[in-house]
Amino acid sequence: MIEVFKTNVQEVEQSVMIVGKLLEHFPNSIVNFDLEDCDKILRVHAASISNHKIIELLNSHGFHCEALP
């Protein structure tokens, strides 16, 4: 399953930190950002994904995150 999120992450360093945190919670997943996209897309590919947990994690680090349909 792949989930796509709109974020306000701007810097590569921020995205690297968030990817690391997400991989701690979802160790067998593939996580990446597309910071070139106007929505600063976060993609998470995993067998089981908790949108709530991903949004909560980004919010706890001061970032906006919302699931895209």
PDB file of N, CA and C in Angstrom:
ATOM      1  N   MET A   1       0.841  -1.165   0.000  1.00  0.00           N
ATOM      2  CA  MET A   1       0.000   0.000   0.000  1.00  0.00           C
ATOM      3  C   MET A   1       0.892   1.235   0.000  1.00  0.00           C
ATOM      4  N   ILE A   2       0.493   2.236  -0.751  1.00  0.00           N
ATOM      5  CA  ILE A   2       1.232   3.495  -0.811  1.00  0.00           C
ATOM      6  C   ILE A   2       0.304   4.618  -0.371  1.00  0.00           C
ATOM      7  N   GLU A   3       0.789   5.427   0.550  1.00  0.00           N
ATOM      8  CA  GLU A   3       0.048   6.617   0.983  1.00  0.00           C
ATOM      9  C   GLU A   3       0.862   7.845   0.602  1.00  0.00           C
ATOM     10  N   VAL A   4       0.152   8.896   0.210  1.00  0.00           N
ATOM     11  CA  VAL A   4       0.797  10.137  -0.214  1.00  0.00           C
ATOM     12  C   VAL A   4       0.268  11.265   0.658  1.00  0.00           C
ATOM     13  N   PHE A   5       1.197  12.115   1.117  1.00  0.00           N
ATOM     14  CA  PHE A   5       0.855  13.197   2.032  1.00  0.00           C
ATOM     15  C   PHE A   5       1.386  14.523   1.509  1.00  0.00           C
ATOM     16  N   LYS A   6       0.620  15.579   1.761  1.00  0.00           N
ATOM     17  CA  LYS A   6       1.043  16.951   1.492  1.00  0.00           C
ATOM     18  C   LYS A   6       1.686  17.464   2.778  1.00  0.00           C
ATOM     19  N   THR A   7       2.888  18.060   2.668  1.00  0.00           N
ATOM     20  CA  THR A   7       3.579  18.561   3.851  1.00  0.00           C
ATOM     21  C   THR A   7       4.075  19.986   3.604  1.00  0.00           C
ATOM     22  N   ASN A   8       4.641  20.566   4.649  1.00  0.00           N
ATOM     23  CA  ASN A   8       5.299  21.865   4.481  1.00  0.00           C
ATOM     24  C   ASN A   8       6.802  21.765   4.761  1.00  0.00           C
ATOM     25  N   VAL A   9       7.354  20.567   4.614  1.00  0.00           N
ATOM     26  CA  VAL A   9       8.792  20.354   4.789  1.00  0.00           C
ATOM     27  C   VAL A   9       9.502  21.060   3.637  1.00  0.00           C
ATOM     28  N   GLN A  10      10.505  21.877   3.958  1.00  0.00           N
ATOM     29  CA  GLN A  10      11.183  22.674   2.936  1.00  0.00           C
ATOM     30  C   GLN A  10      12.608  22.215   2.658  1.00  0.00           C
ATOM     31  N   GLU A  11      13.319  21.803   3.675  1.00  0.00           N
ATOM     32  CA  GLU A  11      14.752  21.529   3.555  1.00  0.00           C
ATOM     33  C   GLU A  11      15.049  20.033   3.469  1.00  0.00           C
ATOM     34  N   VAL A  12      16.087  19.692   2.729  1.00  0.00           N
ATOM     35  CA  VAL A  12      16.518  18.299   2.597  1.00  0.00           C
ATOM     36  C   VAL A  12      16.867  17.736   3.969  1.00  0.00           C
ATOM     37  N   GLU A  13      17.529  18.537   4.816  1.00  0.00           N
ATOM     38  CA  GLU A  13      17.920  18.071   6.147  1.00  0.00           C
ATOM     39  C   GLU A  13      16.690  17.684   6.975  1.00  0.00           C
ATOM     40  N   GLN A  14      15.628  18.468   6.849  1.00  0.00           N
ATOM     41  CA  GLN A  14      14.383  18.165   7.559  1.00  0.00           C
ATOM     42  C   GLN A  14      13.801  16.854   7.055  1.00  0.00           C
ATOM     43  N   SER A  15      13.799  16.668   5.745  1.00  0.00           N
ATOM     44  CA  SER A  15      13.222  15.450   5.174  1.00  0.00           C
ATOM     45  C   SER A  15      14.019  14.217   5.600  1.00  0.00           C
ATOM     46  N   VAL A  16      15.343  14.334   5.663  1.00  0.00           N
ATOM     47  CA  VAL A  16      16.178  13.212   6.081  1.00  0.00           C
ATOM     48  C   VAL A  16      15.847  12.812   7.518  1.00  0.00           C
ATOM     49  N   MET A  17      15.689  13.803   8.402  1.00  0.00           N
ATOM     50  CA  MET A  17      15.346  13.533   9.805  1.00  0.00           C
ATOM     51  C   MET A  17      13.982  12.845   9.901  1.00  0.00           C
ATOM     52  N   ILE A  18      13.010  13.337   9.154  1.00  0.00           N
ATOM     53  CA  ILE A  18      11.659  12.761   9.205  1.00  0.00           C
ATOM     54  C   ILE A  18      11.644  11.346   8.644  1.00  0.00           C
ATOM     55  N   VAL A  19      12.346  11.121   7.547  1.00  0.00           N
ATOM     56  CA  VAL A  19      12.429   9.764   6.983  1.00  0.00           C
ATOM     57  C   VAL A  19      12.990   8.815   8.032  1.00  0.00           C
ATOM     58  N   GLY A  20      14.043   9.234   8.736  1.00  0.00           N
ATOM     59  CA  GLY A  20      14.631   8.399   9.788  1.00  0.00           C
ATOM     60  C   GLY A  20      13.637   8.084  10.886  1.00  0.00           C
ATOM     61  N   LYS A  21      12.884   9.093  11.327  1.00  0.00           N
ATOM     62  CA  LYS A  21      11.879   8.884  12.379  1.00  0.00           C
ATOM     63  C   LYS A  21      10.777   7.939  11.897  1.00  0.00           C
ATOM     64  N   LEU A  22      10.334   8.117  10.659  1.00  0.00           N
ATOM     65  CA  LEU A  22       9.278   7.250  10.125  1.00  0.00           C
ATOM     66  C   LEU A  22       9.767   5.809   9.991  1.00  0.00           C
ATOM     67  N   LEU A  23      11.021   5.629   9.614  1.00  0.00           N
ATOM     68  CA  LEU A  23      11.556   4.276   9.484  1.00  0.00           C
ATOM     69  C   LEU A  23      11.700   3.591  10.845  1.00  0.00           C
ATOM     70  N   GLU A  24      11.838   4.378  11.915  1.00  0.00           N
ATOM     71  CA  GLU A  24      11.835   3.791  13.261  1.00  0.00           C
ATOM     72  C   GLU A  24      10.475   3.172  13.567  1.00  0.00           C
ATOM     73  N   HIS A  25       9.405   3.836  13.120  1.00  0.00           N
ATOM     74  CA  HIS A  25       8.036   3.366  13.383  1.00  0.00           C
ATOM     75  C   HIS A  25       7.559   2.348  12.348  1.00  0.00           C
ATOM     76  N   PHE A  26       8.067   2.461  11.125  1.00  0.00           N
ATOM     77  CA  PHE A  26       7.674   1.566  10.029  1.00  0.00           C
ATOM     78  C   PHE A  26       8.949   1.008   9.381  1.00  0.00           C
ATOM     79  N   PRO A  27       9.651   0.096  10.081  1.00  0.00           N
ATOM     80  CA  PRO A  27      10.993  -0.331   9.641  1.00  0.00           C
ATOM     81  C   PRO A  27      11.068  -1.025   8.287  1.00  0.00           C
ATOM     82  N   ASN A  28      10.024  -1.655   7.850  1.00  0.00           N
ATOM     83  CA  ASN A  28      10.070  -2.371   6.569  1.00  0.00           C
ATOM     84  C   ASN A  28       9.383  -1.595   5.458  1.00  0.00           C
ATOM     85  N   SER A  29       9.431  -0.276   5.546  1.00  0.00           N
ATOM     86  CA  SER A  29       8.748   0.552   4.559  1.00  0.00           C
ATOM     87  C   SER A  29       9.744   1.336   3.710  1.00  0.00           C
ATOM     88  N   ILE A  30       9.236   1.906   2.652  1.00  0.00           N
ATOM     89  CA  ILE A  30      10.011   2.809   1.800  1.00  0.00           C
ATOM     90  C   ILE A  30       9.391   4.187   1.974  1.00  0.00           C
ATOM     91  N   VAL A  31      10.210   5.152   2.385  1.00  0.00           N
ATOM     92  CA  VAL A  31       9.733   6.496   2.678  1.00  0.00           C
ATOM     93  C   VAL A  31      10.572   7.481   1.887  1.00  0.00           C
ATOM     94  N   ASN A  32       9.909   8.410   1.178  1.00  0.00           N
ATOM     95  CA  ASN A  32      10.672   9.440   0.479  1.00  0.00           C
ATOM     96  C   ASN A  32       9.853  10.708   0.312  1.00  0.00           C
ATOM     97  N   PHE A  33      10.571  11.794   0.076  1.00  0.00           N
ATOM     98  CA  PHE A  33       9.967  13.101  -0.154  1.00  0.00           C
ATOM     99  C   PHE A  33      10.210  13.528  -1.588  1.00  0.00           C
ATOM    100  N   ASP A  34       9.292  14.319  -2.119  1.00  0.00           N
ATOM    101  CA  ASP A  34       9.491  15.035  -3.369  1.00  0.00           C
ATOM    102  C   ASP A  34       9.374  16.510  -3.033  1.00  0.00           C
ATOM    103  N   LEU A  35      10.503  17.122  -2.659  1.00  0.00           N
ATOM    104  CA  LEU A  35      10.500  18.521  -2.251  1.00  0.00           C
ATOM    105  C   LEU A  35      10.400  19.469  -3.438  1.00  0.00           C
ATOM    106  N   GLU A  36      10.547  18.946  -4.654  1.00  0.00           N
ATOM    107  CA  GLU A  36      10.391  19.770  -5.862  1.00  0.00           C
ATOM    108  C   GLU A  36       8.912  20.025  -6.165  1.00  0.00           C
ATOM    109  N   ASP A  37       8.056  19.129  -5.696  1.00  0.00           N
ATOM    110  CA  ASP A  37       6.611  19.270  -5.912  1.00  0.00           C
ATOM    111  C   ASP A  37       6.085  20.419  -5.067  1.00  0.00           C
ATOM    112  N   CYS A  38       5.094  21.136  -5.572  1.00  0.00           N
ATOM    113  CA  CYS A  38       4.544  22.284  -4.837  1.00  0.00           C
ATOM    114  C   CYS A  38       3.914  21.859  -3.509  1.00  0.00           C
ATOM    115  N   ASP A  39       3.493  20.600  -3.391  1.00  0.00           N
ATOM    116  CA  ASP A  39       2.896  20.102  -2.149  1.00  0.00           C
ATOM    117  C   ASP A  39       3.902  19.424  -1.228  1.00  0.00           C
ATOM    118  N   LYS A  40       5.188  19.448  -1.590  1.00  0.00           N
ATOM    119  CA  LYS A  40       6.246  18.843  -0.757  1.00  0.00           C
ATOM    120  C   LYS A  40       5.834  17.433  -0.338  1.00  0.00           C
ATOM    121  N   ILE A  41       5.622  16.599  -1.332  1.00  0.00           N
ATOM    122  CA  ILE A  41       5.021  15.276  -1.176  1.00  0.00           C
ATOM    123  C   ILE A  41       5.880  14.323  -0.340  1.00  0.00           C
ATOM    124  N   LEU A  42       5.215  13.642   0.569  1.00  0.00           N
ATOM    125  CA  LEU A  42       5.799  12.534   1.328  1.00  0.00           C
ATOM    126  C   LEU A  42       5.091  11.271   0.867  1.00  0.00           C
ATOM    127  N   ARG A  43       5.866  10.252   0.464  1.00  0.00           N
ATOM    128  CA  ARG A  43       5.302   8.959   0.066  1.00  0.00           C
ATOM    129  C   ARG A  43       5.779   7.899   1.039  1.00  0.00           C
ATOM    130  N   VAL A  44       4.839   7.075   1.466  1.00  0.00           N
ATOM    131  CA  VAL A  44       5.168   5.961   2.349  1.00  0.00           C
ATOM    132  C   VAL A  44       4.605   4.696   1.713  1.00  0.00           C
ATOM    133  N   HIS A  45       5.490   3.737   1.456  1.00  0.00           N
ATOM    134  CA  HIS A  45       5.101   2.462   0.857  1.00  0.00           C
ATOM    135  C   HIS A  45       5.391   1.378   1.886  1.00  0.00           C
ATOM    136  N   ALA A  46       4.327   0.760   2.397  1.00  0.00           N
ATOM    137  CA  ALA A  46       4.485  -0.272   3.425  1.00  0.00           C
ATOM    138  C   ALA A  46       3.295  -1.217   3.385  1.00  0.00           C
ATOM    139  N   ALA A  47       3.473  -2.376   4.003  1.00  0.00           N
ATOM    140  CA  ALA A  47       2.383  -3.351   4.068  1.00  0.00           C
ATOM    141  C   ALA A  47       1.231  -2.809   4.913  1.00  0.00           C
ATOM    142  N   SER A  48       1.568  -2.095   5.973  1.00  0.00           N
ATOM    143  CA  SER A  48       0.555  -1.537   6.868  1.00  0.00           C
ATOM    144  C   SER A  48       0.967  -0.112   7.217  1.00  0.00           C
ATOM    145  N   ILE A  49       0.053   0.835   6.996  1.00  0.00           N
ATOM    146  CA  ILE A  49       0.362   2.244   7.221  1.00  0.00           C
ATOM    147  C   ILE A  49      -0.708   2.862   8.115  1.00  0.00           C
ATOM    148  N   SER A  50      -0.267   3.631   9.094  1.00  0.00           N
ATOM    149  CA  SER A  50      -1.182   4.380   9.950  1.00  0.00           C
ATOM    150  C   SER A  50      -1.069   5.858   9.598  1.00  0.00           C
ATOM    151  N   ASN A  51      -2.032   6.349   8.804  1.00  0.00           N
ATOM    152  CA  ASN A  51      -2.015   7.762   8.426  1.00  0.00           C
ATOM    153  C   ASN A  51      -1.977   8.650   9.660  1.00  0.00           C
ATOM    154  N   HIS A  52      -2.759   8.285  10.666  1.00  0.00           N
ATOM    155  CA  HIS A  52      -2.830   9.081  11.895  1.00  0.00           C
ATOM    156  C   HIS A  52      -1.450   9.180  12.549  1.00  0.00           C
ATOM    157  N   LYS A  53      -0.740   8.078  12.618  1.00  0.00           N
ATOM    158  CA  LYS A  53       0.578   8.055  13.260  1.00  0.00           C
ATOM    159  C   LYS A  53       1.583   8.893  12.466  1.00  0.00           C
ATOM    160  N   ILE A  54       1.527   8.823  11.144  1.00  0.00           N
ATOM    161  CA  ILE A  54       2.436   9.602  10.302  1.00  0.00           C
ATOM    162  C   ILE A  54       2.161  11.094  10.474  1.00  0.00           C
ATOM    163  N   ILE A  55       0.896  11.470  10.425  1.00  0.00           N
ATOM    164  CA  ILE A  55       0.526  12.879  10.598  1.00  0.00           C
ATOM    165  C   ILE A  55       0.924  13.358  11.985  1.00  0.00           C
ATOM    166  N   GLU A  56       0.667  12.550  12.992  1.00  0.00           N
ATOM    167  CA  GLU A  56       1.017  12.894  14.371  1.00  0.00           C
ATOM    168  C   GLU A  56       2.529  13.090  14.524  1.00  0.00           C
ATOM    169  N   LEU A  57       3.316  12.220  13.909  1.00  0.00           N
ATOM    170  CA  LEU A  57       4.774  12.316  14.006  1.00  0.00           C
ATOM    171  C   LEU A  57       5.273  13.621  13.374  1.00  0.00           C
ATOM    172  N   LEU A  58       4.795  13.945  12.189  1.00  0.00           N
ATOM    173  CA  LEU A  58       5.225  15.193  11.556  1.00  0.00           C
ATOM    174  C   LEU A  58       4.766  16.404  12.366  1.00  0.00           C
ATOM    175  N   ASN A  59       3.537  16.363  12.862  1.00  0.00           N
ATOM    176  CA  ASN A  59       3.031  17.466  13.685  1.00  0.00           C
ATOM    177  C   ASN A  59       3.881  17.653  14.939  1.00  0.00           C
ATOM    178  N   SER A  60       4.328  16.556  15.547  1.00  0.00           N
ATOM    179  CA  SER A  60       5.120  16.641  16.773  1.00  0.00           C
ATOM    180  C   SER A  60       6.481  17.297  16.527  1.00  0.00           C
ATOM    181  N   HIS A  61       6.918  17.317  15.264  1.00  0.00           N
ATOM    182  CA  HIS A  61       8.172  17.978  14.904  1.00  0.00           C
ATOM    183  C   HIS A  61       7.928  19.341  14.278  1.00  0.00           C
ATOM    184  N   GLY A  62       6.690  19.821  14.385  1.00  0.00           N
ATOM    185  CA  GLY A  62       6.363  21.176  13.924  1.00  0.00           C
ATOM    186  C   GLY A  62       6.019  21.318  12.451  1.00  0.00           C
ATOM    187  N   PHE A  63       5.712  20.202  11.800  1.00  0.00           N
ATOM    188  CA  PHE A  63       5.379  20.236  10.384  1.00  0.00           C
ATOM    189  C   PHE A  63       3.903  19.943  10.158  1.00  0.00           C
ATOM    190  N   HIS A  64       3.367  20.529   9.094  1.00  0.00           N
ATOM    191  CA  HIS A  64       2.000  20.235   8.675  1.00  0.00           C
ATOM    192  C   HIS A  64       2.046  19.004   7.774  1.00  0.00           C
ATOM    193  N   CYS A  65       1.050  18.156   7.904  1.00  0.00           N
ATOM    194  CA  CYS A  65       0.962  16.953   7.085  1.00  0.00           C
ATOM    195  C   CYS A  65      -0.490  16.570   6.933  1.00  0.00           C
ATOM    196  N   GLU A  66      -0.911  16.299   5.704  1.00  0.00           N
ATOM    197  CA  GLU A  66      -2.271  15.816   5.471  1.00  0.00           C
ATOM    198  C   GLU A  66      -2.265  14.776   4.361  1.00  0.00           C
ATOM    199  N   ALA A  67      -3.075  13.764   4.541  1.00  0.00           N
ATOM    200  CA  ALA A  67      -3.177  12.692   3.552  1.00  0.00           C
ATOM    201  C   ALA A  67      -3.869  13.218   2.305  1.00  0.00           C
ATOM    202  N   LEU A  68      -3.343  12.841   1.155  1.00  0.00           N
ATOM    203  CA  LEU A  68      -3.982  13.194  -0.113  1.00  0.00           C
ATOM    204  C   LEU A  68      -4.834  12.019  -0.583  1.00  0.00           C
ATOM    205  N   PRO A  69      -5.958  12.322  -1.227  1.00  0.00           N
ATOM    206  CA  PRO A  69      -6.826  11.225  -1.693  1.00  0.00           C
ATOM    207  C   PRO A  69      -6.213  10.444  -2.833  1.00  0.00           C
TER     208      PRO A  69
END
